[in-house]
Amino acid sequence: MVKIHISYTPDDEATVAQAVAYLKGILPPVKIKKKPGKAPYNSVYFIPKNHGNPTK
């Protein structure tokens, strides 16, 4: 699984909310972490959850 990182400015908050909602629907279970980044950017991280053995 790949980690996804999105950097955005406060002006793009609505677009990021749409992207997060879309990705939550198509990705397997992930942890979503929002953090303030270096000004003027904020960050959203999609981190995969570990659910036992991977499928083969």
N, C-alpha and C. Protein backbone atom coordinates (compact mmCIF):
# COMPACT_ATOMS: atom_id res chain seq x y z
N MET A 1 0.85 -1.17 0.00
CA MET A 1 0.00 0.00 0.00
C MET A 1 0.89 1.23 0.00
N VAL A 2 0.45 2.25 -0.65
CA VAL A 2 1.19 3.49 -0.80
C VAL A 2 0.58 4.55 0.11
N LYS A 3 1.44 5.34 0.74
CA LYS A 3 0.96 6.49 1.50
C LYS A 3 0.70 7.63 0.53
N ILE A 4 -0.35 8.40 0.78
CA ILE A 4 -0.69 9.54 -0.08
C ILE A 4 -0.59 10.81 0.75
N HIS A 5 0.05 11.83 0.18
CA HIS A 5 0.23 13.11 0.85
C HIS A 5 -0.30 14.21 -0.06
N ILE A 6 -1.18 15.05 0.46
CA ILE A 6 -1.74 16.17 -0.30
C ILE A 6 -1.38 17.46 0.43
N SER A 7 -0.71 18.37 -0.26
CA SER A 7 -0.42 19.70 0.29
C SER A 7 -1.37 20.69 -0.37
N TYR A 8 -1.90 21.62 0.44
CA TYR A 8 -2.86 22.58 -0.11
C TYR A 8 -2.80 23.88 0.68
N THR A 9 -3.33 24.93 0.05
CA THR A 9 -3.44 26.24 0.71
C THR A 9 -4.85 26.37 1.29
N PRO A 10 -5.06 27.26 2.23
CA PRO A 10 -6.40 27.43 2.79
C PRO A 10 -7.47 27.74 1.74
N ASP A 11 -7.09 28.35 0.63
CA ASP A 11 -8.05 28.64 -0.43
C ASP A 11 -8.61 27.38 -1.07
N ASP A 12 -7.88 26.27 -0.99
CA ASP A 12 -8.27 25.02 -1.63
C ASP A 12 -8.97 24.05 -0.68
N GLU A 13 -9.41 24.52 0.47
CA GLU A 13 -10.00 23.66 1.50
C GLU A 13 -11.21 22.88 0.96
N ALA A 14 -12.07 23.50 0.18
CA ALA A 14 -13.27 22.82 -0.34
C ALA A 14 -12.88 21.71 -1.32
N THR A 15 -11.90 21.97 -2.17
CA THR A 15 -11.44 20.96 -3.13
C THR A 15 -10.82 19.77 -2.41
N VAL A 16 -10.06 20.03 -1.37
CA VAL A 16 -9.44 18.95 -0.60
C VAL A 16 -10.50 18.12 0.10
N ALA A 17 -11.54 18.75 0.62
CA ALA A 17 -12.62 18.01 1.27
C ALA A 17 -13.29 17.05 0.28
N GLN A 18 -13.48 17.48 -0.95
CA GLN A 18 -14.06 16.61 -1.97
C GLN A 18 -13.12 15.46 -2.30
N ALA A 19 -11.83 15.76 -2.41
CA ALA A 19 -10.84 14.72 -2.73
C ALA A 19 -10.77 13.69 -1.61
N VAL A 20 -10.80 14.14 -0.35
CA VAL A 20 -10.76 13.23 0.78
C VAL A 20 -11.99 12.32 0.79
N ALA A 21 -13.15 12.88 0.55
CA ALA A 21 -14.37 12.08 0.51
C ALA A 21 -14.31 11.04 -0.61
N TYR A 22 -13.80 11.43 -1.76
CA TYR A 22 -13.69 10.51 -2.89
C TYR A 22 -12.70 9.38 -2.58
N LEU A 23 -11.53 9.73 -2.06
CA LEU A 23 -10.51 8.72 -1.78
C LEU A 23 -10.93 7.77 -0.66
N LYS A 24 -11.68 8.27 0.32
CA LYS A 24 -12.18 7.39 1.39
C LYS A 24 -13.08 6.32 0.82
N GLY A 25 -13.80 6.64 -0.25
CA GLY A 25 -14.71 5.69 -0.85
C GLY A 25 -14.04 4.62 -1.69
N ILE A 26 -12.88 4.91 -2.28
CA ILE A 26 -12.26 3.94 -3.18
C ILE A 26 -11.06 3.22 -2.58
N LEU A 27 -10.47 3.75 -1.51
CA LEU A 27 -9.31 3.11 -0.90
C LEU A 27 -9.73 2.11 0.16
N PRO A 28 -8.87 1.10 0.40
CA PRO A 28 -9.13 0.22 1.54
C PRO A 28 -9.00 1.03 2.83
N PRO A 29 -9.26 0.43 3.99
CA PRO A 29 -9.22 1.21 5.24
C PRO A 29 -7.91 1.99 5.42
N VAL A 30 -8.05 3.28 5.61
CA VAL A 30 -6.89 4.14 5.79
C VAL A 30 -7.12 5.06 6.98
N LYS A 31 -6.02 5.53 7.54
CA LYS A 31 -6.05 6.54 8.60
C LYS A 31 -5.79 7.87 7.93
N ILE A 32 -6.62 8.86 8.21
CA ILE A 32 -6.47 10.18 7.61
C ILE A 32 -5.98 11.15 8.67
N LYS A 33 -4.85 11.79 8.39
CA LYS A 33 -4.25 12.71 9.35
C LYS A 33 -4.10 14.07 8.69
N LYS A 34 -4.68 15.10 9.31
CA LYS A 34 -4.53 16.48 8.82
C LYS A 34 -3.56 17.20 9.72
N LYS A 35 -2.57 17.86 9.11
CA LYS A 35 -1.56 18.58 9.88
C LYS A 35 -1.28 19.92 9.21
N PRO A 36 -1.02 20.93 10.02
CA PRO A 36 -0.57 22.19 9.43
C PRO A 36 0.88 22.02 8.97
N GLY A 37 1.17 22.48 7.77
CA GLY A 37 2.52 22.39 7.25
C GLY A 37 3.21 23.73 7.38
N LYS A 38 4.26 23.88 6.59
CA LYS A 38 4.94 25.18 6.57
C LYS A 38 4.02 26.18 5.88
N ALA A 39 3.96 27.37 6.44
CA ALA A 39 3.06 28.40 5.90
C ALA A 39 3.36 28.63 4.44
N PRO A 40 2.42 28.79 3.59
CA PRO A 40 0.97 28.87 3.76
C PRO A 40 0.28 27.54 3.52
N TYR A 41 0.98 26.42 3.60
CA TYR A 41 0.42 25.12 3.22
C TYR A 41 -0.06 24.32 4.42
N ASN A 42 -1.07 23.48 4.18
CA ASN A 42 -1.53 22.47 5.12
C ASN A 42 -1.36 21.12 4.44
N SER A 43 -1.43 20.04 5.20
CA SER A 43 -1.21 18.72 4.64
C SER A 43 -2.28 17.74 5.09
N VAL A 44 -2.57 16.79 4.21
CA VAL A 44 -3.45 15.66 4.54
C VAL A 44 -2.67 14.40 4.16
N TYR A 45 -2.62 13.43 5.08
CA TYR A 45 -1.94 12.17 4.85
C TYR A 45 -2.94 11.04 4.89
N PHE A 46 -2.85 10.11 3.95
CA PHE A 46 -3.63 8.88 3.93
C PHE A 46 -2.64 7.76 4.24
N ILE A 47 -2.80 7.13 5.41
CA ILE A 47 -1.88 6.10 5.86
C ILE A 47 -2.65 4.78 5.93
N PRO A 48 -2.18 3.74 5.23
CA PRO A 48 -2.91 2.46 5.24
C PRO A 48 -2.90 1.83 6.63
N LYS A 49 -4.03 1.20 6.97
CA LYS A 49 -4.12 0.47 8.24
C LYS A 49 -3.63 -0.95 8.01
N ASN A 50 -2.96 -1.52 8.99
CA ASN A 50 -2.45 -2.87 8.90
C ASN A 50 -3.53 -3.85 9.37
N HIS A 51 -4.04 -4.66 8.46
CA HIS A 51 -5.10 -5.61 8.79
C HIS A 51 -4.61 -7.03 8.59
N GLY A 52 -3.66 -7.45 9.38
CA GLY A 52 -3.20 -8.83 9.32
C GLY A 52 -2.39 -9.13 8.08
N ASN A 53 -2.52 -10.37 7.60
CA ASN A 53 -1.74 -10.81 6.43
C ASN A 53 -2.26 -10.18 5.15
N PRO A 54 -1.34 -9.81 4.25
CA PRO A 54 -1.79 -9.26 2.96
C PRO A 54 -2.42 -10.35 2.11
N THR A 55 -3.30 -9.96 1.21
CA THR A 55 -3.92 -10.93 0.30
C THR A 55 -2.93 -11.29 -0.80
N LYS A 56 -3.01 -12.51 -1.28
CA LYS A 56 -2.08 -12.96 -2.34
C LYS A 56 -2.81 -13.12 -3.64
